[in-house]
Amino acid sequence: MSNRWKIEDSNDRLINIFCEYWLRFALQIDKHISALIFRSDWYVLASTLTLDRLTLTLPL
């Protein structure tokens, strides 16, 4: 992960939870999805999350 996407430790744990949840969800839908690319895209999107405003946009 690039350092330019560095985030707060408290948010990092939250993002890991969301990342794992959506990764498993996506893999159930499409077994051919690239987990590495999906995870990378999700981290980029999740890096803008804050604890007070969780506006999620999934890369579909």
PDB file of N, CA and C in Angstrom:
ATOM      1  N   MET A   1       0.836  -1.177   0.000  1.00  0.00           N
ATOM      2  CA  MET A   1       0.000   0.000   0.000  1.00  0.00           C
ATOM      3  C   MET A   1       0.873   1.229   0.000  1.00  0.00           C
ATOM      4  N   SER A   2       0.527   2.175  -0.842  1.00  0.00           N
ATOM      5  CA  SER A   2       1.317   3.385  -0.941  1.00  0.00           C
ATOM      6  C   SER A   2       1.139   4.251   0.302  1.00  0.00           C
ATOM      7  N   ASN A   3       2.206   4.931   0.696  1.00  0.00           N
ATOM      8  CA  ASN A   3       2.132   5.795   1.873  1.00  0.00           C
ATOM      9  C   ASN A   3       1.221   6.987   1.666  1.00  0.00           C
ATOM     10  N   ARG A   4       0.944   7.327   0.416  1.00  0.00           N
ATOM     11  CA  ARG A   4       0.066   8.474   0.177  1.00  0.00           C
ATOM     12  C   ARG A   4      -1.364   8.207   0.604  1.00  0.00           C
ATOM     13  N   TRP A   5      -1.696   6.929   0.841  1.00  0.00           N
ATOM     14  CA  TRP A   5      -3.042   6.590   1.321  1.00  0.00           C
ATOM     15  C   TRP A   5      -3.029   6.364   2.834  1.00  0.00           C
ATOM     16  N   LYS A   6      -2.009   6.879   3.488  1.00  0.00           N
ATOM     17  CA  LYS A   6      -1.875   6.701   4.935  1.00  0.00           C
ATOM     18  C   LYS A   6      -3.073   7.312   5.670  1.00  0.00           C
ATOM     19  N   ILE A   7      -3.588   6.577   6.629  1.00  0.00           N
ATOM     20  CA  ILE A   7      -4.747   7.038   7.383  1.00  0.00           C
ATOM     21  C   ILE A   7      -4.530   6.819   8.867  1.00  0.00           C
ATOM     22  N   GLU A   8      -5.456   7.339   9.671  1.00  0.00           N
ATOM     23  CA  GLU A   8      -5.374   7.172  11.126  1.00  0.00           C
ATOM     24  C   GLU A   8      -5.507   5.697  11.504  1.00  0.00           C
ATOM     25  N   ASP A   9      -4.821   5.296  12.568  1.00  0.00           N
ATOM     26  CA  ASP A   9      -4.872   3.905  13.030  1.00  0.00           C
ATOM     27  C   ASP A   9      -6.285   3.483  13.385  1.00  0.00           C
ATOM     28  N   SER A  10      -7.050   4.376  14.018  1.00  0.00           N
ATOM     29  CA  SER A  10      -8.412   4.033  14.410  1.00  0.00           C
ATOM     30  C   SER A  10      -9.271   3.765  13.184  1.00  0.00           C
ATOM     31  N   ASN A  11      -9.082   4.542  12.137  1.00  0.00           N
ATOM     32  CA  ASN A  11      -9.821   4.326  10.895  1.00  0.00           C
ATOM     33  C   ASN A  11      -9.323   3.091  10.162  1.00  0.00           C
ATOM     34  N   ASP A  12      -8.043   2.769  10.316  1.00  0.00           N
ATOM     35  CA  ASP A  12      -7.460   1.611   9.630  1.00  0.00           C
ATOM     36  C   ASP A  12      -8.163   0.322  10.048  1.00  0.00           C
ATOM     37  N   ARG A  13      -8.448   0.175  11.339  1.00  0.00           N
ATOM     38  CA  ARG A  13      -9.147  -1.017  11.812  1.00  0.00           C
ATOM     39  C   ARG A  13     -10.555  -1.086  11.236  1.00  0.00           C
ATOM     40  N   LEU A  14     -11.234   0.043  11.196  1.00  0.00           N
ATOM     41  CA  LEU A  14     -12.583   0.094  10.634  1.00  0.00           C
ATOM     42  C   LEU A  14     -12.574  -0.255   9.154  1.00  0.00           C
ATOM     43  N   ILE A  15     -11.619   0.294   8.432  1.00  0.00           N
ATOM     44  CA  ILE A  15     -11.516   0.042   6.994  1.00  0.00           C
ATOM     45  C   ILE A  15     -11.201  -1.428   6.726  1.00  0.00           C
ATOM     46  N   ASN A  16     -10.358  -2.025   7.543  1.00  0.00           N
ATOM     47  CA  ASN A  16     -10.060  -3.458   7.381  1.00  0.00           C
ATOM     48  C   ASN A  16     -11.319  -4.302   7.516  1.00  0.00           C
ATOM     49  N   ILE A  17     -12.184  -3.934   8.464  1.00  0.00           N
ATOM     50  CA  ILE A  17     -13.439  -4.667   8.647  1.00  0.00           C
ATOM     51  C   ILE A  17     -14.302  -4.548   7.398  1.00  0.00           C
ATOM     52  N   PHE A  18     -14.481  -3.322   6.900  1.00  0.00           N
ATOM     53  CA  PHE A  18     -15.280  -3.108   5.696  1.00  0.00           C
ATOM     54  C   PHE A  18     -14.665  -3.810   4.490  1.00  0.00           C
ATOM     55  N   CYS A  19     -13.350  -3.707   4.392  1.00  0.00           N
ATOM     56  CA  CYS A  19     -12.645  -4.318   3.257  1.00  0.00           C
ATOM     57  C   CYS A  19     -12.871  -5.815   3.237  1.00  0.00           C
ATOM     58  N   GLU A  20     -12.683  -6.473   4.365  1.00  0.00           N
ATOM     59  CA  GLU A  20     -12.865  -7.923   4.431  1.00  0.00           C
ATOM     60  C   GLU A  20     -14.317  -8.318   4.152  1.00  0.00           C
ATOM     61  N   TYR A  21     -15.256  -7.537   4.676  1.00  0.00           N
ATOM     62  CA  TYR A  21     -16.672  -7.850   4.474  1.00  0.00           C
ATOM     63  C   TYR A  21     -17.034  -7.780   2.997  1.00  0.00           C
ATOM     64  N   TRP A  22     -16.670  -6.674   2.342  1.00  0.00           N
ATOM     65  CA  TRP A  22     -17.036  -6.496   0.937  1.00  0.00           C
ATOM     66  C   TRP A  22     -16.247  -7.418   0.024  1.00  0.00           C
ATOM     67  N   LEU A  23     -15.024  -7.736   0.403  1.00  0.00           N
ATOM     68  CA  LEU A  23     -14.224  -8.673  -0.388  1.00  0.00           C
ATOM     69  C   LEU A  23     -14.878 -10.050  -0.404  1.00  0.00           C
ATOM     70  N   ARG A  24     -15.287 -10.515   0.774  1.00  0.00           N
ATOM     71  CA  ARG A  24     -15.966 -11.817   0.849  1.00  0.00           C
ATOM     72  C   ARG A  24     -17.288 -11.782   0.107  1.00  0.00           C
ATOM     73  N   PHE A  25     -18.016 -10.680   0.228  1.00  0.00           N
ATOM     74  CA  PHE A  25     -19.296 -10.520  -0.458  1.00  0.00           C
ATOM     75  C   PHE A  25     -19.109 -10.596  -1.973  1.00  0.00           C
ATOM     76  N   ALA A  26     -18.109  -9.882  -2.484  1.00  0.00           N
ATOM     77  CA  ALA A  26     -17.843  -9.864  -3.922  1.00  0.00           C
ATOM     78  C   ALA A  26     -17.405 -11.235  -4.422  1.00  0.00           C
ATOM     79  N   LEU A  27     -16.600 -11.923  -3.632  1.00  0.00           N
ATOM     80  CA  LEU A  27     -16.130 -13.238  -4.048  1.00  0.00           C
ATOM     81  C   LEU A  27     -17.273 -14.252  -4.104  1.00  0.00           C
ATOM     82  N   GLN A  28     -18.290 -14.045  -3.278  1.00  0.00           N
ATOM     83  CA  GLN A  28     -19.454 -14.922  -3.330  1.00  0.00           C
ATOM     84  C   GLN A  28     -20.250 -14.684  -4.605  1.00  0.00           C
ATOM     85  N   ILE A  29     -20.278 -13.441  -5.064  1.00  0.00           N
ATOM     86  CA  ILE A  29     -21.027 -13.097  -6.275  1.00  0.00           C
ATOM     87  C   ILE A  29     -20.281 -13.557  -7.527  1.00  0.00           C
ATOM     88  N   ASP A  30     -18.997 -13.262  -7.582  1.00  0.00           N
ATOM     89  CA  ASP A  30     -18.211 -13.557  -8.777  1.00  0.00           C
ATOM     90  C   ASP A  30     -16.891 -14.199  -8.377  1.00  0.00           C
ATOM     91  N   LYS A  31     -16.769 -15.484  -8.608  1.00  0.00           N
ATOM     92  CA  LYS A  31     -15.568 -16.216  -8.204  1.00  0.00           C
ATOM     93  C   LYS A  31     -14.343 -15.827  -9.032  1.00  0.00           C
ATOM     94  N   HIS A  32     -14.562 -15.126 -10.149  1.00  0.00           N
ATOM     95  CA  HIS A  32     -13.451 -14.779 -11.040  1.00  0.00           C
ATOM     96  C   HIS A  32     -12.907 -13.380 -10.797  1.00  0.00           C
ATOM     97  N   ILE A  33     -13.471 -12.682  -9.796  1.00  0.00           N
ATOM     98  CA  ILE A  33     -13.003 -11.315  -9.521  1.00  0.00           C
ATOM     99  C   ILE A  33     -11.558 -11.368  -9.015  1.00  0.00           C
ATOM    100  N   SER A  34     -10.820 -10.344  -9.342  1.00  0.00           N
ATOM    101  CA  SER A  34      -9.441 -10.271  -8.859  1.00  0.00           C
ATOM    102  C   SER A  34      -9.448  -9.693  -7.445  1.00  0.00           C
ATOM    103  N   ALA A  35      -9.208 -10.538  -6.470  1.00  0.00           N
ATOM    104  CA  ALA A  35      -9.258 -10.109  -5.073  1.00  0.00           C
ATOM    105  C   ALA A  35      -8.221  -9.028  -4.787  1.00  0.00           C
ATOM    106  N   LEU A  36      -7.055  -9.147  -5.369  1.00  0.00           N
ATOM    107  CA  LEU A  36      -5.998  -8.169  -5.112  1.00  0.00           C
ATOM    108  C   LEU A  36      -6.385  -6.794  -5.630  1.00  0.00           C
ATOM    109  N   ILE A  37      -6.897  -6.742  -6.865  1.00  0.00           N
ATOM    110  CA  ILE A  37      -7.306  -5.461  -7.455  1.00  0.00           C
ATOM    111  C   ILE A  37      -8.488  -4.880  -6.688  1.00  0.00           C
ATOM    112  N   PHE A  38      -9.466  -5.729  -6.357  1.00  0.00           N
ATOM    113  CA  PHE A  38     -10.637  -5.267  -5.604  1.00  0.00           C
ATOM    114  C   PHE A  38     -10.209  -4.670  -4.267  1.00  0.00           C
ATOM    115  N   ARG A  39      -9.323  -5.374  -3.584  1.00  0.00           N
ATOM    116  CA  ARG A  39      -8.872  -4.889  -2.279  1.00  0.00           C
ATOM    117  C   ARG A  39      -8.145  -3.562  -2.417  1.00  0.00           C
ATOM    118  N   SER A  40      -7.314  -3.439  -3.420  1.00  0.00           N
ATOM    119  CA  SER A  40      -6.576  -2.207  -3.647  1.00  0.00           C
ATOM    120  C   SER A  40      -7.524  -1.042  -3.926  1.00  0.00           C
ATOM    121  N   ASP A  41      -8.505  -1.255  -4.812  1.00  0.00           N
ATOM    122  CA  ASP A  41      -9.482  -0.208  -5.130  1.00  0.00           C
ATOM    123  C   ASP A  41     -10.286   0.174  -3.898  1.00  0.00           C
ATOM    124  N   TRP A  42     -10.639  -0.825  -3.099  1.00  0.00           N
ATOM    125  CA  TRP A  42     -11.437  -0.547  -1.905  1.00  0.00           C
ATOM    126  C   TRP A  42     -10.653   0.288  -0.910  1.00  0.00           C
ATOM    127  N   TYR A  43      -9.355   0.020  -0.754  1.00  0.00           N
ATOM    128  CA  TYR A  43      -8.543   0.828   0.150  1.00  0.00           C
ATOM    129  C   TYR A  43      -8.449   2.271  -0.325  1.00  0.00           C
ATOM    130  N   VAL A  44      -8.334   2.459  -1.630  1.00  0.00           N
ATOM    131  CA  VAL A  44      -8.267   3.814  -2.177  1.00  0.00           C
ATOM    132  C   VAL A  44      -9.550   4.573  -1.847  1.00  0.00           C
ATOM    133  N   LEU A  45     -10.705   3.921  -2.046  1.00  0.00           N
ATOM    134  CA  LEU A  45     -11.982   4.560  -1.744  1.00  0.00           C
ATOM    135  C   LEU A  45     -12.168   4.745  -0.244  1.00  0.00           C
ATOM    136  N   ALA A  46     -11.791   3.723   0.527  1.00  0.00           N
ATOM    137  CA  ALA A  46     -11.991   3.772   1.970  1.00  0.00           C
ATOM    138  C   ALA A  46     -11.050   4.764   2.647  1.00  0.00           C
ATOM    139  N   SER A  47      -9.975   5.133   1.976  1.00  0.00           N
ATOM    140  CA  SER A  47      -9.022   6.065   2.580  1.00  0.00           C
ATOM    141  C   SER A  47      -9.640   7.437   2.811  1.00  0.00           C
ATOM    142  N   THR A  48     -10.789   7.713   2.178  1.00  0.00           N
ATOM    143  CA  THR A  48     -11.459   8.989   2.363  1.00  0.00           C
ATOM    144  C   THR A  48     -12.518   8.942   3.461  1.00  0.00           C
ATOM    145  N   LEU A  49     -12.709   7.755   4.071  1.00  0.00           N
ATOM    146  CA  LEU A  49     -13.719   7.603   5.112  1.00  0.00           C
ATOM    147  C   LEU A  49     -13.332   8.328   6.391  1.00  0.00           C
ATOM    148  N   THR A  50     -14.354   8.827   7.082  1.00  0.00           N
ATOM    149  CA  THR A  50     -14.152   9.322   8.434  1.00  0.00           C
ATOM    150  C   THR A  50     -15.173   8.633   9.322  1.00  0.00           C
ATOM    151  N   LEU A  51     -14.913   8.602  10.617  1.00  0.00           N
ATOM    152  CA  LEU A  51     -15.802   7.891  11.525  1.00  0.00           C
ATOM    153  C   LEU A  51     -17.166   8.567  11.651  1.00  0.00           C
ATOM    154  N   ASP A  52     -17.222   9.871  11.395  1.00  0.00           N
ATOM    155  CA  ASP A  52     -18.490  10.576  11.542  1.00  0.00           C
ATOM    156  C   ASP A  52     -19.296  10.604  10.254  1.00  0.00           C
ATOM    157  N   ARG A  53     -18.682  10.311   9.111  1.00  0.00           N
ATOM    158  CA  ARG A  53     -19.393  10.298   7.837  1.00  0.00           C
ATOM    159  C   ARG A  53     -18.936   9.109   7.003  1.00  0.00           C
ATOM    160  N   LEU A  54     -19.754   8.063   6.954  1.00  0.00           N
ATOM    161  CA  LEU A  54     -19.398   6.855   6.226  1.00  0.00           C
ATOM    162  C   LEU A  54     -20.182   6.803   4.919  1.00  0.00           C
ATOM    163  N   THR A  55     -19.669   7.479   3.924  1.00  0.00           N
ATOM    164  CA  THR A  55     -20.285   7.456   2.607  1.00  0.00           C
ATOM    165  C   THR A  55     -19.508   6.454   1.762  1.00  0.00           C
ATOM    166  N   LEU A  56     -20.088   5.277   1.572  1.00  0.00           N
ATOM    167  CA  LEU A  56     -19.375   4.191   0.906  1.00  0.00           C
ATOM    168  C   LEU A  56     -19.734   4.130  -0.575  1.00  0.00           C
ATOM    169  N   THR A  57     -18.727   3.983  -1.400  1.00  0.00           N
ATOM    170  CA  THR A  57     -18.921   3.788  -2.829  1.00  0.00           C
ATOM    171  C   THR A  57     -18.133   2.561  -3.241  1.00  0.00           C
ATOM    172  N   LEU A  58     -18.828   1.551  -3.701  1.00  0.00           N
ATOM    173  CA  LEU A  58     -18.157   0.309  -4.072  1.00  0.00           C
ATOM    174  C   LEU A  58     -17.719   0.312  -5.527  1.00  0.00           C
ATOM    175  N   PRO A  59     -16.515  -0.169  -5.801  1.00  0.00           N
ATOM    176  CA  PRO A  59     -16.067  -0.306  -7.191  1.00  0.00           C
ATOM    177  C   PRO A  59     -16.703  -1.544  -7.824  1.00  0.00           C
ATOM    178  N   LEU A  60     -17.738  -1.353  -8.618  1.00  0.00           N
ATOM    179  CA  LEU A  60     -18.433  -2.489  -9.227  1.00  0.00           C
ATOM    180  C   LEU A  60     -18.073  -2.620 -10.695  1.00  0.00           C
TER     181      LEU A  60
END
